[in-house]
Amino acid sequence: MGLFKEWDCSMQECELSPGDMLALYTDGVTEASNDAGEEFGEQRLVQALRQPHESCQDLLSAVLDEVRQFSSCEQHDDITLIVAKCRPCET
């Protein structure tokens, strides 16, 4: 998910099982800062994502609420967060 013609990064494959959730985010989430200049960071994001929620929408809303509560400053970057839940295959 980027606009770069060439980008040097590591790649990895992972198999998702029914019930697993996948979260994709932009740096606007982790770089949201508070009054002290501290960033929300990956550790807070992972903690927020590990909280149990009934649906992807509930998890998405909860994480965004945590980012907004943490960062009382004006947001200088976009916040994009995509959450998807793997469902069992229907036969």
PDB file of N, CA and C in Angstrom:
ATOM      1  N   MET A   1       0.845  -1.179   0.000  1.00  0.00           N
ATOM      2  CA  MET A   1       0.000   0.000   0.000  1.00  0.00           C
ATOM      3  C   MET A   1       0.886   1.236   0.000  1.00  0.00           C
ATOM      4  N   GLY A   2       1.372   1.557  -1.114  1.00  0.00           N
ATOM      5  CA  GLY A   2       2.211   2.730  -1.189  1.00  0.00           C
ATOM      6  C   GLY A   2       2.226   3.281  -2.595  1.00  0.00           C
ATOM      7  N   LEU A   3       2.801   4.442  -2.733  1.00  0.00           N
ATOM      8  CA  LEU A   3       2.846   5.096  -4.033  1.00  0.00           C
ATOM      9  C   LEU A   3       4.269   5.160  -4.562  1.00  0.00           C
ATOM     10  N   PHE A   4       5.099   4.194  -4.171  1.00  0.00           N
ATOM     11  CA  PHE A   4       6.489   4.215  -4.561  1.00  0.00           C
ATOM     12  C   PHE A   4       6.724   3.249  -5.712  1.00  0.00           C
ATOM     13  N   LYS A   5       7.395   3.733  -6.748  1.00  0.00           N
ATOM     14  CA  LYS A   5       7.690   2.883  -7.894  1.00  0.00           C
ATOM     15  C   LYS A   5       8.629   1.750  -7.472  1.00  0.00           C
ATOM     16  N   GLU A   6       9.623   2.087  -6.684  1.00  0.00           N
ATOM     17  CA  GLU A   6      10.533   1.093  -6.137  1.00  0.00           C
ATOM     18  C   GLU A   6      10.619   1.309  -4.633  1.00  0.00           C
ATOM     19  N   TRP A   7      10.614   0.200  -3.895  1.00  0.00           N
ATOM     20  CA  TRP A   7      10.658   0.297  -2.445  1.00  0.00           C
ATOM     21  C   TRP A   7      11.374  -0.928  -1.913  1.00  0.00           C
ATOM     22  N   ASP A   8      12.435  -0.706  -1.177  1.00  0.00           N
ATOM     23  CA  ASP A   8      13.220  -1.791  -0.621  1.00  0.00           C
ATOM     24  C   ASP A   8      12.688  -2.123   0.766  1.00  0.00           C
ATOM     25  N   CYS A   9      12.092  -3.298   0.887  1.00  0.00           N
ATOM     26  CA  CYS A   9      11.547  -3.712   2.171  1.00  0.00           C
ATOM     27  C   CYS A   9      11.555  -5.231   2.255  1.00  0.00           C
ATOM     28  N   SER A  10      11.417  -5.724   3.451  1.00  0.00           N
ATOM     29  CA  SER A  10      11.330  -7.174   3.610  1.00  0.00           C
ATOM     30  C   SER A  10       9.899  -7.616   3.331  1.00  0.00           C
ATOM     31  N   MET A  11       9.762  -8.832   2.841  1.00  0.00           N
ATOM     32  CA  MET A  11       8.441  -9.380   2.560  1.00  0.00           C
ATOM     33  C   MET A  11       8.313 -10.708   3.277  1.00  0.00           C
ATOM     34  N   GLN A  12       7.108 -11.006   3.691  1.00  0.00           N
ATOM     35  CA  GLN A  12       6.862 -12.233   4.423  1.00  0.00           C
ATOM     36  C   GLN A  12       5.440 -12.685   4.145  1.00  0.00           C
ATOM     37  N   GLU A  13       5.222 -13.990   4.110  1.00  0.00           N
ATOM     38  CA  GLU A  13       3.884 -14.532   3.942  1.00  0.00           C
ATOM     39  C   GLU A  13       3.418 -15.097   5.268  1.00  0.00           C
ATOM     40  N   CYS A  14       2.121 -15.015   5.492  1.00  0.00           N
ATOM     41  CA  CYS A  14       1.533 -15.520   6.722  1.00  0.00           C
ATOM     42  C   CYS A  14       0.144 -16.057   6.385  1.00  0.00           C
ATOM     43  N   GLU A  15      -0.171 -17.221   6.893  1.00  0.00           N
ATOM     44  CA  GLU A  15      -1.488 -17.802   6.652  1.00  0.00           C
ATOM     45  C   GLU A  15      -2.431 -17.389   7.774  1.00  0.00           C
ATOM     46  N   LEU A  16      -3.592 -16.896   7.394  1.00  0.00           N
ATOM     47  CA  LEU A  16      -4.600 -16.498   8.373  1.00  0.00           C
ATOM     48  C   LEU A  16      -5.597 -17.633   8.559  1.00  0.00           C
ATOM     49  N   SER A  17      -5.993 -17.829   9.788  1.00  0.00           N
ATOM     50  CA  SER A  17      -6.984 -18.852  10.126  1.00  0.00           C
ATOM     51  C   SER A  17      -8.296 -18.170  10.469  1.00  0.00           C
ATOM     52  N   PRO A  18      -9.411 -18.892  10.373  1.00  0.00           N
ATOM     53  CA  PRO A  18     -10.693 -18.290  10.757  1.00  0.00           C
ATOM     54  C   PRO A  18     -10.611 -17.695  12.170  1.00  0.00           C
ATOM     55  N   GLY A  19     -11.087 -16.461  12.282  1.00  0.00           N
ATOM     56  CA  GLY A  19     -11.051 -15.752  13.557  1.00  0.00           C
ATOM     57  C   GLY A  19      -9.871 -14.802  13.679  1.00  0.00           C
ATOM     58  N   ASP A  20      -8.812 -15.003  12.881  1.00  0.00           N
ATOM     59  CA  ASP A  20      -7.658 -14.098  12.906  1.00  0.00           C
ATOM     60  C   ASP A  20      -8.063 -12.739  12.352  1.00  0.00           C
ATOM     61  N   MET A  21      -7.410 -11.696  12.856  1.00  0.00           N
ATOM     62  CA  MET A  21      -7.666 -10.349  12.361  1.00  0.00           C
ATOM     63  C   MET A  21      -6.382  -9.780  11.775  1.00  0.00           C
ATOM     64  N   LEU A  22      -6.536  -9.002  10.728  1.00  0.00           N
ATOM     65  CA  LEU A  22      -5.428  -8.337  10.057  1.00  0.00           C
ATOM     66  C   LEU A  22      -5.651  -6.830  10.189  1.00  0.00           C
ATOM     67  N   ALA A  23      -4.614  -6.122  10.631  1.00  0.00           N
ATOM     68  CA  ALA A  23      -4.708  -4.664  10.755  1.00  0.00           C
ATOM     69  C   ALA A  23      -3.617  -4.025   9.903  1.00  0.00           C
ATOM     70  N   LEU A  24      -4.013  -3.096   9.051  1.00  0.00           N
ATOM     71  CA  LEU A  24      -3.094  -2.316   8.226  1.00  0.00           C
ATOM     72  C   LEU A  24      -3.251  -0.866   8.642  1.00  0.00           C
ATOM     73  N   TYR A  25      -2.138  -0.156   8.762  1.00  0.00           N
ATOM     74  CA  TYR A  25      -2.220   1.220   9.244  1.00  0.00           C
ATOM     75  C   TYR A  25      -1.152   2.089   8.602  1.00  0.00           C
ATOM     76  N   THR A  26      -1.394   3.379   8.609  1.00  0.00           N
ATOM     77  CA  THR A  26      -0.397   4.332   8.122  1.00  0.00           C
ATOM     78  C   THR A  26       0.356   4.909   9.311  1.00  0.00           C
ATOM     79  N   ASP A  27       1.447   5.578   9.020  1.00  0.00           N
ATOM     80  CA  ASP A  27       2.270   6.143  10.089  1.00  0.00           C
ATOM     81  C   ASP A  27       1.563   7.261  10.857  1.00  0.00           C
ATOM     82  N   GLY A  28       0.456   7.753  10.331  1.00  0.00           N
ATOM     83  CA  GLY A  28      -0.303   8.770  11.067  1.00  0.00           C
ATOM     84  C   GLY A  28      -0.854   8.228  12.378  1.00  0.00           C
ATOM     85  N   VAL A  29      -1.063   6.908  12.449  1.00  0.00           N
ATOM     86  CA  VAL A  29      -1.535   6.277  13.682  1.00  0.00           C
ATOM     87  C   VAL A  29      -0.404   6.255  14.705  1.00  0.00           C
ATOM     88  N   THR A  30       0.731   5.697  14.338  1.00  0.00           N
ATOM     89  CA  THR A  30       1.831   5.524  15.284  1.00  0.00           C
ATOM     90  C   THR A  30       2.570   6.824  15.579  1.00  0.00           C
ATOM     91  N   GLU A  31       2.511   7.786  14.680  1.00  0.00           N
ATOM     92  CA  GLU A  31       3.218   9.045  14.888  1.00  0.00           C
ATOM     93  C   GLU A  31       2.345  10.140  15.486  1.00  0.00           C
ATOM     94  N   ALA A  32       1.102   9.826  15.828  1.00  0.00           N
ATOM     95  CA  ALA A  32       0.253  10.806  16.522  1.00  0.00           C
ATOM     96  C   ALA A  32       0.938  11.128  17.849  1.00  0.00           C
ATOM     97  N   SER A  33       1.057  12.414  18.178  1.00  0.00           N
ATOM     98  CA  SER A  33       1.821  12.786  19.373  1.00  0.00           C
ATOM     99  C   SER A  33       0.955  13.500  20.403  1.00  0.00           C
ATOM    100  N   ASN A  34       1.414  13.432  21.650  1.00  0.00           N
ATOM    101  CA  ASN A  34       0.718  14.115  22.743  1.00  0.00           C
ATOM    102  C   ASN A  34       1.386  15.466  23.018  1.00  0.00           C
ATOM    103  N   ASP A  35       0.935  16.163  24.050  1.00  0.00           N
ATOM    104  CA  ASP A  35       1.474  17.493  24.379  1.00  0.00           C
ATOM    105  C   ASP A  35       2.959  17.460  24.711  1.00  0.00           C
ATOM    106  N   ALA A  36       3.458  16.326  25.207  1.00  0.00           N
ATOM    107  CA  ALA A  36       4.869  16.192  25.576  1.00  0.00           C
ATOM    108  C   ALA A  36       5.738  15.816  24.372  1.00  0.00           C
ATOM    109  N   GLY A  37       5.120  15.644  23.191  1.00  0.00           N
ATOM    110  CA  GLY A  37       5.862  15.282  21.996  1.00  0.00           C
ATOM    111  C   GLY A  37       6.113  13.791  21.872  1.00  0.00           C
ATOM    112  N   GLU A  38       5.518  13.007  22.748  1.00  0.00           N
ATOM    113  CA  GLU A  38       5.667  11.553  22.710  1.00  0.00           C
ATOM    114  C   GLU A  38       4.720  10.987  21.651  1.00  0.00           C
ATOM    115  N   GLU A  39       5.203  10.018  20.872  1.00  0.00           N
ATOM    116  CA  GLU A  39       4.379   9.409  19.835  1.00  0.00           C
ATOM    117  C   GLU A  39       3.552   8.256  20.397  1.00  0.00           C
ATOM    118  N   PHE A  40       2.387   8.015  19.775  1.00  0.00           N
ATOM    119  CA  PHE A  40       1.537   6.887  20.162  1.00  0.00           C
ATOM    120  C   PHE A  40       2.327   5.590  20.031  1.00  0.00           C
ATOM    121  N   GLY A  41       3.009   5.399  18.941  1.00  0.00           N
ATOM    122  CA  GLY A  41       3.950   4.308  18.769  1.00  0.00           C
ATOM    123  C   GLY A  41       3.327   2.947  18.489  1.00  0.00           C
ATOM    124  N   GLU A  42       4.185   2.038  18.065  1.00  0.00           N
ATOM    125  CA  GLU A  42       3.738   0.690  17.717  1.00  0.00           C
ATOM    126  C   GLU A  42       3.323  -0.116  18.939  1.00  0.00           C
ATOM    127  N   GLN A  43       4.012   0.071  20.056  1.00  0.00           N
ATOM    128  CA  GLN A  43       3.683  -0.704  21.257  1.00  0.00           C
ATOM    129  C   GLN A  43       2.258  -0.404  21.732  1.00  0.00           C
ATOM    130  N   ARG A  44       1.868   0.859  21.764  1.00  0.00           N
ATOM    131  CA  ARG A  44       0.496   1.216  22.166  1.00  0.00           C
ATOM    132  C   ARG A  44      -0.514   0.687  21.153  1.00  0.00           C
ATOM    133  N   LEU A  45      -0.145   0.748  19.875  1.00  0.00           N
ATOM    134  CA  LEU A  45      -1.047   0.241  18.840  1.00  0.00           C
ATOM    135  C   LEU A  45      -1.267  -1.256  19.013  1.00  0.00           C
ATOM    136  N   VAL A  46      -0.195  -2.013  19.227  1.00  0.00           N
ATOM    137  CA  VAL A  46      -0.319  -3.457  19.415  1.00  0.00           C
ATOM    138  C   VAL A  46      -1.181  -3.753  20.646  1.00  0.00           C
ATOM    139  N   GLN A  47      -0.965  -3.038  21.732  1.00  0.00           N
ATOM    140  CA  GLN A  47      -1.781  -3.238  22.941  1.00  0.00           C
ATOM    141  C   GLN A  47      -3.249  -2.968  22.655  1.00  0.00           C
ATOM    142  N   ALA A  48      -3.524  -1.913  21.918  1.00  0.00           N
ATOM    143  CA  ALA A  48      -4.906  -1.569  21.587  1.00  0.00           C
ATOM    144  C   ALA A  48      -5.538  -2.631  20.693  1.00  0.00           C
ATOM    145  N   LEU A  49      -4.769  -3.159  19.749  1.00  0.00           N
ATOM    146  CA  LEU A  49      -5.288  -4.169  18.830  1.00  0.00           C
ATOM    147  C   LEU A  49      -5.527  -5.511  19.522  1.00  0.00           C
ATOM    148  N   ARG A  50      -4.849  -5.760  20.613  1.00  0.00           N
ATOM    149  CA  ARG A  50      -4.997  -7.041  21.322  1.00  0.00           C
ATOM    150  C   ARG A  50      -6.213  -7.082  22.245  1.00  0.00           C
ATOM    151  N   GLN A  51      -6.880  -5.964  22.433  1.00  0.00           N
ATOM    152  CA  GLN A  51      -8.070  -5.942  23.274  1.00  0.00           C
ATOM    153  C   GLN A  51      -9.213  -6.651  22.544  1.00  0.00           C
ATOM    154  N   PRO A  52      -9.950  -7.519  23.251  1.00  0.00           N
ATOM    155  CA  PRO A  52     -11.032  -8.257  22.584  1.00  0.00           C
ATOM    156  C   PRO A  52     -12.201  -7.342  22.195  1.00  0.00           C
ATOM    157  N   HIS A  53     -12.718  -7.563  20.999  1.00  0.00           N
ATOM    158  CA  HIS A  53     -13.874  -6.822  20.492  1.00  0.00           C
ATOM    159  C   HIS A  53     -14.733  -7.758  19.672  1.00  0.00           C
ATOM    160  N   GLU A  54     -16.004  -7.472  19.631  1.00  0.00           N
ATOM    161  CA  GLU A  54     -16.958  -8.325  18.914  1.00  0.00           C
ATOM    162  C   GLU A  54     -16.812  -8.252  17.399  1.00  0.00           C
ATOM    163  N   SER A  55     -16.476  -7.079  16.900  1.00  0.00           N
ATOM    164  CA  SER A  55     -16.429  -6.914  15.442  1.00  0.00           C
ATOM    165  C   SER A  55     -15.225  -6.068  15.044  1.00  0.00           C
ATOM    166  N   CYS A  56     -14.929  -6.100  13.751  1.00  0.00           N
ATOM    167  CA  CYS A  56     -13.855  -5.265  13.218  1.00  0.00           C
ATOM    168  C   CYS A  56     -14.165  -3.789  13.453  1.00  0.00           C
ATOM    169  N   GLN A  57     -15.421  -3.403  13.261  1.00  0.00           N
ATOM    170  CA  GLN A  57     -15.813  -2.009  13.457  1.00  0.00           C
ATOM    171  C   GLN A  57     -15.600  -1.575  14.906  1.00  0.00           C
ATOM    172  N   ASP A  58     -15.932  -2.458  15.858  1.00  0.00           N
ATOM    173  CA  ASP A  58     -15.718  -2.137  17.277  1.00  0.00           C
ATOM    174  C   ASP A  58     -14.234  -1.950  17.566  1.00  0.00           C
ATOM    175  N   LEU A  59     -13.397  -2.831  17.032  1.00  0.00           N
ATOM    176  CA  LEU A  59     -11.958  -2.730  17.239  1.00  0.00           C
ATOM    177  C   LEU A  59     -11.414  -1.462  16.602  1.00  0.00           C
ATOM    178  N   LEU A  60     -11.826  -1.180  15.392  1.00  0.00           N
ATOM    179  CA  LEU A  60     -11.402   0.023  14.682  1.00  0.00           C
ATOM    180  C   LEU A  60     -11.758   1.275  15.480  1.00  0.00           C
ATOM    181  N   SER A  61     -12.991   1.345  15.945  1.00  0.00           N
ATOM    182  CA  SER A  61     -13.440   2.503  16.726  1.00  0.00           C
ATOM    183  C   SER A  61     -12.659   2.644  18.022  1.00  0.00           C
ATOM    184  N   ALA A  62     -12.404   1.524  18.700  1.00  0.00           N
ATOM    185  CA  ALA A  62     -11.678   1.556  19.972  1.00  0.00           C
ATOM    186  C   ALA A  62     -10.239   2.037  19.778  1.00  0.00           C
ATOM    187  N   VAL A  63      -9.575   1.561  18.737  1.00  0.00           N
ATOM    188  CA  VAL A  63      -8.194   1.975  18.488  1.00  0.00           C
ATOM    189  C   VAL A  63      -8.152   3.461  18.137  1.00  0.00           C
ATOM    190  N   LEU A  64      -9.038   3.905  17.269  1.00  0.00           N
ATOM    191  CA  LEU A  64      -9.055   5.325  16.905  1.00  0.00           C
ATOM    192  C   LEU A  64      -9.375   6.203  18.107  1.00  0.00           C
ATOM    193  N   ASP A  65     -10.266   5.751  18.981  1.00  0.00           N
ATOM    194  CA  ASP A  65     -10.561   6.492  20.211  1.00  0.00           C
ATOM    195  C   ASP A  65      -9.320   6.616  21.079  1.00  0.00           C
ATOM    196  N   GLU A  66      -8.546   5.532  21.189  1.00  0.00           N
ATOM    197  CA  GLU A  66      -7.321   5.573  21.998  1.00  0.00           C
ATOM    198  C   GLU A  66      -6.308   6.545  21.415  1.00  0.00           C
ATOM    199  N   VAL A  67      -6.171   6.545  20.094  1.00  0.00           N
ATOM    200  CA  VAL A  67      -5.239   7.480  19.449  1.00  0.00           C
ATOM    201  C   VAL A  67      -5.682   8.912  19.711  1.00  0.00           C
ATOM    202  N   ARG A  68      -6.957   9.184  19.571  1.00  0.00           N
ATOM    203  CA  ARG A  68      -7.466  10.551  19.782  1.00  0.00           C
ATOM    204  C   ARG A  68      -7.337  10.995  21.235  1.00  0.00           C
ATOM    205  N   GLN A  69      -7.562  10.082  22.182  1.00  0.00           N
ATOM    206  CA  GLN A  69      -7.400  10.418  23.600  1.00  0.00           C
ATOM    207  C   GLN A  69      -5.941  10.682  23.932  1.00  0.00           C
ATOM    208  N   PHE A  70      -5.039   9.922  23.330  1.00  0.00           N
ATOM    209  CA  PHE A  70      -3.608  10.083  23.567  1.00  0.00           C
ATOM    210  C   PHE A  70      -3.118  11.412  23.011  1.00  0.00           C
ATOM    211  N   SER A  71      -3.571  11.738  21.817  1.00  0.00           N
ATOM    212  CA  SER A  71      -3.080  12.906  21.101  1.00  0.00           C
ATOM    213  C   SER A  71      -4.089  14.049  21.171  1.00  0.00           C
ATOM    214  N   SER A  72      -3.828  14.961  22.082  1.00  0.00           N
ATOM    215  CA  SER A  72      -4.712  16.124  22.166  1.00  0.00           C
ATOM    216  C   SER A  72      -4.274  17.212  21.193  1.00  0.00           C
ATOM    217  N   CYS A  73      -3.129  16.988  20.540  1.00  0.00           N
ATOM    218  CA  CYS A  73      -2.620  17.953  19.567  1.00  0.00           C
ATOM    219  C   CYS A  73      -3.379  17.820  18.252  1.00  0.00           C
ATOM    220  N   GLU A  74      -3.263  18.843  17.433  1.00  0.00           N
ATOM    221  CA  GLU A  74      -3.856  18.774  16.103  1.00  0.00           C
ATOM    222  C   GLU A  74      -3.113  17.715  15.293  1.00  0.00           C
ATOM    223  N   GLN A  75      -3.856  16.876  14.592  1.00  0.00           N
ATOM    224  CA  GLN A  75      -3.264  15.798  13.800  1.00  0.00           C
ATOM    225  C   GLN A  75      -2.614  16.393  12.560  1.00  0.00           C
ATOM    226  N   HIS A  76      -1.330  16.074  12.331  1.00  0.00           N
ATOM    227  CA  HIS A  76      -0.603  16.626  11.186  1.00  0.00           C
ATOM    228  C   HIS A  76      -0.504  15.646  10.027  1.00  0.00           C
ATOM    229  N   ASP A  77      -1.005  14.448  10.212  1.00  0.00           N
ATOM    230  CA  ASP A  77      -0.936  13.424   9.176  1.00  0.00           C
ATOM    231  C   ASP A  77      -2.266  12.682   9.161  1.00  0.00           C
ATOM    232  N   ASP A  78      -2.552  12.029   8.046  1.00  0.00           N
ATOM    233  CA  ASP A  78      -3.785  11.262   7.986  1.00  0.00           C
ATOM    234  C   ASP A  78      -3.683  10.044   8.907  1.00  0.00           C
ATOM    235  N   ILE A  79      -4.816   9.582   9.369  1.00  0.00           N
ATOM    236  CA  ILE A  79      -4.884   8.350  10.145  1.00  0.00           C
ATOM    237  C   ILE A  79      -5.697   7.367   9.313  1.00  0.00           C
ATOM    238  N   THR A  80      -5.036   6.313   8.874  1.00  0.00           N
ATOM    239  CA  THR A  80      -5.716   5.279   8.119  1.00  0.00           C
ATOM    240  C   THR A  80      -5.498   3.957   8.830  1.00  0.00           C
ATOM    241  N   LEU A  81      -6.589   3.261   9.099  1.00  0.00           N
ATOM    242  CA  LEU A  81      -6.536   1.964   9.768  1.00  0.00           C
ATOM    243  C   LEU A  81      -7.567   1.060   9.115  1.00  0.00           C
ATOM    244  N   ILE A  82      -7.113  -0.090   8.661  1.00  0.00           N
ATOM    245  CA  ILE A  82      -7.988  -1.083   8.044  1.00  0.00           C
ATOM    246  C   ILE A  82      -7.918  -2.339   8.900  1.00  0.00           C
ATOM    247  N   VAL A  83      -9.076  -2.856   9.294  1.00  0.00           N
ATOM    248  CA  VAL A  83      -9.136  -4.073  10.108  1.00  0.00           C
ATOM    249  C   VAL A  83     -10.022  -5.071   9.376  1.00  0.00           C
ATOM    250  N   ALA A  84      -9.509  -6.293   9.202  1.00  0.00           N
ATOM    251  CA  ALA A  84     -10.262  -7.354   8.525  1.00  0.00           C
ATOM    252  C   ALA A  84     -10.181  -8.620   9.363  1.00  0.00           C
ATOM    253  N   LYS A  85     -11.281  -9.359   9.402  1.00  0.00           N
ATOM    254  CA  LYS A  85     -11.342 -10.616  10.156  1.00  0.00           C
ATOM    255  C   LYS A  85     -11.514 -11.771   9.187  1.00  0.00           C
ATOM    256  N   CYS A  86     -10.704 -12.792   9.361  1.00  0.00           N
ATOM    257  CA  CYS A  86     -10.760 -13.970   8.501  1.00  0.00           C
ATOM    258  C   CYS A  86     -11.943 -14.841   8.909  1.00  0.00           C
ATOM    259  N   ARG A  87     -12.802 -15.125   7.934  1.00  0.00           N
ATOM    260  CA  ARG A  87     -13.969 -15.981   8.193  1.00  0.00           C
ATOM    261  C   ARG A  87     -13.714 -17.381   7.653  1.00  0.00           C
ATOM    262  N   PRO A  88     -14.432 -18.356   8.202  1.00  0.00           N
ATOM    263  CA  PRO A  88     -14.285 -19.720   7.678  1.00  0.00           C
ATOM    264  C   PRO A  88     -14.762 -19.781   6.225  1.00  0.00           C
ATOM    265  N   CYS A  89     -14.153 -20.638   5.447  1.00  0.00           N
ATOM    266  CA  CYS A  89     -14.569 -20.829   4.058  1.00  0.00           C
ATOM    267  C   CYS A  89     -15.950 -21.473   4.042  1.00  0.00           C
ATOM    268  N   GLU A  90     -16.785 -20.985   3.164  1.00  0.00           N
ATOM    269  CA  GLU A  90     -18.116 -21.584   3.003  1.00  0.00           C
ATOM    270  C   GLU A  90     -18.037 -22.612   1.893  1.00  0.00           C
ATOM    271  N   THR A  91     -18.558 -23.787   2.162  1.00  0.00           N
ATOM    272  CA  THR A  91     -18.514 -24.837   1.143  1.00  0.00           C
ATOM    273  C   THR A  91     -19.890 -25.117   0.600  1.00  0.00           C
TER     274      THR A  91
END
